[in-house]
């Protein structure tokens, strides 16, 4: 009788833990902002255009960092109307690898790697 009770208790606890994990995973999927950052041309010589689509988050700034983490540029973003679409052109970066990080309320929303060749 004890083995059956312990096994039943184990099954109930396992079921509850799995259910909690599923609910937690669903909540994290729902709350994730949908961000798309497209860079073209990439790699680039003269300058790079970034198109940023932010569907559920109000992006406020774009920061460009070099490969060692030094901030090279900080750009305040202004959307086209209320569409969540941003367009940015970046010039004058020395040759190297850079990361364009998108922020809203000091939280990182997304990142894009770009490469300067000239």
Protein backbone atom coordinates (compact mmCIF):
# COMPACT_ATOMS: atom_id res chain seq x y z
CA UNK A 1 0.00 0.00 0.00
CA UNK A 2 2.84 2.41 0.81
CA UNK A 3 4.53 1.84 -2.55
CA UNK A 4 1.32 2.65 -4.42
CA UNK A 5 0.78 5.83 -2.41
CA UNK A 6 4.37 7.00 -2.88
CA UNK A 7 4.20 6.27 -6.61
CA UNK A 8 0.89 8.14 -6.94
CA UNK A 9 2.31 11.08 -5.03
CA UNK A 10 5.37 11.05 -7.31
CA UNK A 11 3.13 11.10 -10.42
CA UNK A 12 1.08 14.01 -9.08
CA UNK A 13 4.18 16.06 -8.24
CA UNK A 14 5.72 15.29 -11.64
CA UNK A 15 2.52 16.34 -13.40
CA UNK A 16 2.40 19.62 -11.45
CA UNK A 17 6.04 20.42 -12.20
CA UNK A 18 5.58 19.74 -15.91
CA UNK A 19 2.42 21.88 -15.95
CA UNK A 20 4.25 24.75 -14.24
CA UNK A 21 7.11 24.53 -16.74
CA UNK A 22 4.67 24.68 -19.66
CA UNK A 23 2.87 27.72 -18.22
CA UNK A 24 6.20 29.45 -17.57
CA UNK A 25 7.39 28.72 -21.12
CA UNK A 26 4.14 30.03 -22.60
CA UNK A 27 4.38 33.26 -20.59
CA UNK A 28 7.94 33.89 -21.75
CA UNK A 29 6.94 33.38 -25.37
CA UNK A 30 4.03 35.80 -25.07
CA UNK A 31 6.00 38.54 -23.37
CA UNK A 32 8.98 38.47 -25.75
CA UNK A 33 8.97 41.55 -28.00
CA UNK A 34 9.11 40.85 -31.71
CA UNK A 35 12.16 42.61 -33.07
CA UNK A 36 13.67 42.38 -36.53
CA UNK A 37 16.87 44.22 -37.45
CA UNK A 38 17.95 44.10 -41.10
CA UNK A 39 21.30 45.56 -42.18
CA UNK A 40 22.21 46.16 -45.81
CA UNK A 41 24.69 46.01 -47.32
CA UNK A 42 26.47 43.89 -44.78
CA UNK A 43 29.49 43.84 -44.93
CA UNK A 44 29.74 47.46 -46.07
CA UNK A 45 32.32 49.98 -47.27
CA UNK A 46 30.77 53.46 -47.09
CA UNK A 47 27.76 53.09 -44.81
CA UNK A 48 25.11 50.65 -43.71
CA UNK A 49 21.32 51.07 -43.58
CA UNK A 50 19.43 49.48 -40.73
CA UNK A 51 15.72 48.80 -40.86
CA UNK A 52 14.28 47.99 -37.47
CA UNK A 53 10.79 46.63 -36.93
CA UNK A 54 9.62 46.61 -33.33
CA UNK A 55 6.07 45.25 -33.10
CA UNK A 56 5.50 45.06 -29.36
CA UNK A 57 8.21 47.21 -27.82
CA UNK A 58 8.86 50.91 -27.95
CA UNK A 59 12.50 51.05 -28.99
CA UNK A 60 14.15 54.30 -27.95
CA UNK A 61 17.81 54.05 -28.88
CA UNK A 62 20.36 52.17 -30.92
CA UNK A 63 23.91 51.83 -29.65
CA UNK A 64 26.82 50.67 -31.78
CA UNK A 65 29.66 48.82 -30.04
CA UNK A 66 32.97 47.62 -31.46
CA UNK A 67 34.28 44.09 -30.96
CA UNK A 68 35.85 44.95 -27.58
CA UNK A 69 32.66 46.52 -26.24
CA UNK A 70 33.50 50.21 -26.65
CA UNK A 71 30.46 52.32 -27.54
CA UNK A 72 31.06 53.99 -30.92
CA UNK A 73 27.70 55.62 -31.60
CA UNK A 74 24.43 56.25 -29.78
CA UNK A 75 21.38 57.05 -31.91
CA UNK A 76 18.01 58.19 -30.57
CA UNK A 77 15.22 56.53 -32.57
CA UNK A 78 12.11 58.22 -33.87
CA UNK A 79 9.54 55.88 -35.46
CA UNK A 80 7.64 56.62 -38.65
CA UNK A 81 4.26 57.42 -37.08
CA UNK A 82 3.08 54.64 -34.79
CA UNK A 83 4.23 51.83 -37.07
CA UNK A 84 7.20 50.63 -35.01
CA UNK A 85 9.43 50.99 -38.09
CA UNK A 86 12.79 52.73 -37.75
CA UNK A 87 15.41 53.51 -40.42
CA UNK A 88 18.97 54.41 -39.52
CA UNK A 89 22.07 54.98 -41.67
CA UNK A 90 25.46 54.53 -40.03
CA UNK A 91 28.60 56.07 -41.58
CA UNK A 92 32.22 56.62 -40.62
CA UNK A 93 33.03 53.36 -38.87
CA UNK A 94 36.62 52.13 -39.19
CA UNK A 95 37.13 48.59 -40.52
CA UNK A 96 35.97 45.98 -38.03
CA UNK A 97 33.10 44.06 -36.50
CA UNK A 98 30.36 45.99 -34.70
CA UNK A 99 27.21 45.15 -32.75
CA UNK A 100 24.11 47.31 -33.09
CA UNK A 101 22.08 46.92 -29.89
CA UNK A 102 18.48 48.07 -29.70
CA UNK A 103 17.20 49.33 -26.33
CA UNK A 104 13.88 50.33 -24.78
CA UNK A 105 13.77 51.70 -21.25
CA UNK A 106 17.41 50.61 -20.74
CA UNK A 107 16.57 46.99 -21.62
CA UNK A 108 18.25 45.21 -24.51
CA UNK A 109 15.65 44.15 -27.10
CA UNK A 110 17.82 42.86 -29.92
CA UNK A 111 21.21 42.95 -31.55
CA UNK A 112 22.67 42.81 -35.06
CA UNK A 113 26.27 42.20 -36.10
CA UNK A 114 27.63 44.40 -38.89
CA UNK A 115 31.04 44.41 -40.60
CA UNK A 116 32.84 47.48 -41.96
CA UNK A 117 35.38 46.75 -44.70
CA UNK A 118 36.89 50.11 -45.68
